Amino acid sequence: MIIERFNGRLPGYIGNGDDRYSFSYVDDVVEGHIAAMHKGRNGERYLLTGENASFKHVFDVAAILTGTSRPWFHIPLWVLEAYGWISVFFARITGKLPLISPPTVKVLRHQWAYSCEKAKVELGYSPRSLKDGMSEVLPWLKSLGLIKY
């Protein structure tokens, strides 16, 4: 979503902006898996999640970190779903992957906020904040030429 946002293909906030998702930095998840191998209890499950935030918050943090403007409007999920059907139709004609599909919008309708408190207590899991993770991810994406700002 960040790549699409910075390349102009996602010009607004997704949905009403209040839906929450859990954002994890991949290095933190890897460290959590290693900790689970060494400290985890047999038969237990651990959620290696990160900060729960809305895409509105994510896009706002990204704008602050990059010195770019924030989106100024919201794109309703029903609009994204309609666009998804159109994208799928054109993908079948052109052979290119659709930008978004109806199943993707279905995923976006779900609340994906979870707690990693058990992993913090039992494994010593310590996920970085959204801002800290994005401070590393955004310059990396830029260095790969995937985003511009």
Protein backbone atom coordinates (compact mmCIF):
# COMPACT_ATOMS: atom_id res chain seq x y z
CA MET A 1 0.00 0.00 0.00
CA ILE A 2 2.89 2.35 0.75
CA ILE A 3 4.37 1.72 -2.68
CA GLU A 4 1.02 2.42 -4.32
CA ARG A 5 0.56 5.53 -2.19
CA PHE A 6 3.93 7.03 -3.14
CA ASN A 7 3.56 6.17 -6.81
CA GLY A 8 0.25 8.00 -7.05
CA ARG A 9 -1.88 4.92 -7.67
CA LEU A 10 -3.50 5.24 -4.25
CA PRO A 11 -4.25 8.95 -3.89
CA GLY A 12 -6.41 8.83 -0.77
CA TYR A 13 -6.91 7.09 2.53
CA ILE A 14 -8.39 3.60 2.38
CA GLY A 15 -11.95 3.35 3.69
CA ASN A 16 -13.03 5.63 6.50
CA GLY A 17 -9.52 5.59 7.95
CA ASP A 18 -10.52 4.10 11.29
CA ASP A 19 -10.02 0.41 10.51
CA ARG A 20 -7.06 -0.97 12.42
CA TYR A 21 -4.39 -3.37 11.29
CA SER A 22 -1.27 -4.70 12.96
CA PHE A 23 1.96 -3.55 11.34
CA SER A 24 5.14 -5.51 12.02
CA TYR A 25 8.69 -4.91 10.97
CA VAL A 26 10.09 -8.09 9.39
CA ASP A 27 13.31 -8.10 11.47
CA ASP A 28 11.22 -8.02 14.65
CA VAL A 29 9.15 -10.99 13.47
CA VAL A 30 12.33 -12.94 12.65
CA GLU A 31 13.70 -12.20 16.13
CA GLY A 32 10.36 -13.30 17.58
CA HIS A 33 10.56 -16.64 15.77
CA ILE A 34 14.08 -17.20 17.04
CA ALA A 35 12.97 -16.32 20.58
CA ALA A 36 10.03 -18.74 20.25
CA MET A 37 12.45 -21.53 19.30
CA HIS A 38 14.52 -20.90 22.42
CA LYS A 39 12.04 -19.60 25.00
CA GLY A 40 8.63 -20.66 23.73
CA ARG A 41 6.62 -23.34 25.49
CA ASN A 42 5.64 -26.47 23.55
CA GLY A 43 2.11 -26.27 22.21
CA GLU A 44 1.80 -22.52 22.77
CA ARG A 45 1.11 -19.95 20.09
CA TYR A 46 2.53 -16.45 19.97
CA LEU A 47 1.31 -13.52 17.90
CA LEU A 48 4.33 -11.65 16.59
CA THR A 49 2.43 -8.52 15.74
CA GLY A 50 3.37 -4.89 15.94
CA GLU A 51 1.69 -1.56 16.42
CA ASN A 52 -2.02 -1.49 15.69
CA ALA A 53 -2.85 1.47 13.47
CA SER A 54 -5.15 2.63 10.71
CA PHE A 55 -3.95 3.23 7.17
CA LYS A 56 -4.77 6.87 7.83
CA HIS A 57 -2.17 6.88 10.61
CA VAL A 58 0.31 4.93 8.45
CA PHE A 59 -0.03 7.35 5.54
CA ASP A 60 0.21 10.34 7.89
CA VAL A 61 3.40 8.98 9.51
CA ALA A 62 4.85 8.28 6.05
CA ALA A 63 4.05 11.85 4.96
CA ILE A 64 5.76 13.29 8.04
CA LEU A 65 8.85 11.09 7.63
CA THR A 66 9.23 11.94 3.94
CA GLY A 67 8.16 15.57 4.04
CA THR A 68 5.37 14.88 1.55
CA SER A 69 1.72 15.87 1.70
CA ARG A 70 -0.92 13.74 3.34
CA PRO A 71 -3.89 12.45 1.36
CA TRP A 72 -6.80 14.85 1.60
CA PHE A 73 -9.70 12.47 0.94
CA HIS A 74 -10.95 8.98 1.76
CA ILE A 75 -11.70 6.27 -0.81
CA PRO A 76 -14.73 4.24 0.32
CA LEU A 77 -14.19 0.49 0.27
CA TRP A 78 -17.15 0.03 -2.09
CA VAL A 79 -15.32 2.24 -4.62
CA LEU A 80 -12.17 0.15 -4.22
CA GLU A 81 -14.20 -3.03 -4.68
CA ALA A 82 -15.81 -1.71 -7.88
CA TYR A 83 -12.39 -0.65 -9.13
CA GLY A 84 -11.14 -4.14 -8.21
CA TRP A 85 -13.73 -5.79 -10.46
CA ILE A 86 -12.79 -3.45 -13.30
CA SER A 87 -9.07 -4.16 -12.70
CA VAL A 88 -9.68 -7.90 -12.81
CA PHE A 89 -11.60 -7.53 -16.08
CA PHE A 90 -8.78 -5.57 -17.71
CA ALA A 91 -6.17 -7.94 -16.25
CA ARG A 92 -7.82 -10.82 -18.08
CA ILE A 93 -7.64 -8.89 -21.33
CA THR A 94 -4.10 -7.53 -20.94
CA GLY A 95 -2.52 -10.38 -19.00
CA LYS A 96 -1.18 -7.93 -16.41
CA LEU A 97 -1.84 -8.29 -12.71
CA PRO A 98 -4.69 -6.17 -11.36
CA LEU A 99 -3.78 -3.32 -9.05
CA ILE A 100 -6.44 -4.47 -6.60
CA SER A 101 -9.01 -7.26 -6.59
CA PRO A 102 -12.31 -7.83 -4.77
CA PRO A 103 -10.72 -10.45 -2.45
CA THR A 104 -8.11 -7.84 -1.45
CA VAL A 105 -10.89 -5.44 -0.52
CA LYS A 106 -12.52 -8.21 1.52
CA VAL A 107 -9.27 -8.48 3.51
CA LEU A 108 -9.27 -4.70 4.00
CA ARG A 109 -12.79 -4.87 5.48
CA HIS A 110 -11.55 -7.09 8.32
CA GLN A 111 -10.13 -5.66 11.52
CA TRP A 112 -6.56 -6.97 11.82
CA ALA A 113 -5.55 -5.45 15.17
CA TYR A 114 -3.99 -8.02 17.50
CA SER A 115 -2.06 -8.06 20.75
CA CYS A 116 1.46 -9.41 21.10
CA GLU A 117 1.46 -9.04 24.89
CA LYS A 118 1.95 -12.78 25.47
CA ALA A 119 4.99 -12.81 23.18
CA LYS A 120 6.40 -9.76 24.96
CA VAL A 121 6.04 -11.38 28.38
CA GLU A 122 7.08 -14.95 27.55
CA LEU A 123 9.59 -14.42 24.75
CA GLY A 124 10.94 -10.95 25.44
CA TYR A 125 9.51 -9.91 22.06
CA SER A 126 10.01 -6.20 21.52
CA PRO A 127 8.53 -4.90 18.28
CA ARG A 128 9.58 -1.46 17.18
CA SER A 129 7.04 1.31 16.72
CA LEU A 130 5.40 2.02 13.39
CA LYS A 131 7.40 5.23 13.09
CA ASP A 132 10.71 3.48 13.79
CA GLY A 133 9.97 0.68 11.34
CA MET A 134 8.87 3.07 8.63
CA SER A 135 11.96 5.21 9.22
CA GLU A 136 13.93 2.22 7.94
CA VAL A 137 11.52 0.88 5.32
CA LEU A 138 10.81 4.13 3.44
CA PRO A 139 14.47 4.96 2.61
CA TRP A 140 15.02 1.29 1.69
CA LEU A 141 12.07 1.33 -0.73
CA LYS A 142 13.38 4.61 -2.16
CA SER A 143 16.90 3.15 -2.61
CA LEU A 144 15.37 0.26 -4.59
CA GLY A 145 13.56 2.74 -6.82
CA LEU A 146 10.15 1.45 -5.72
CA ILE A 147 8.98 4.80 -4.35
CA LYS A 148 9.88 8.44 -4.94
CA TYR A 149 9.63 11.37 -2.57
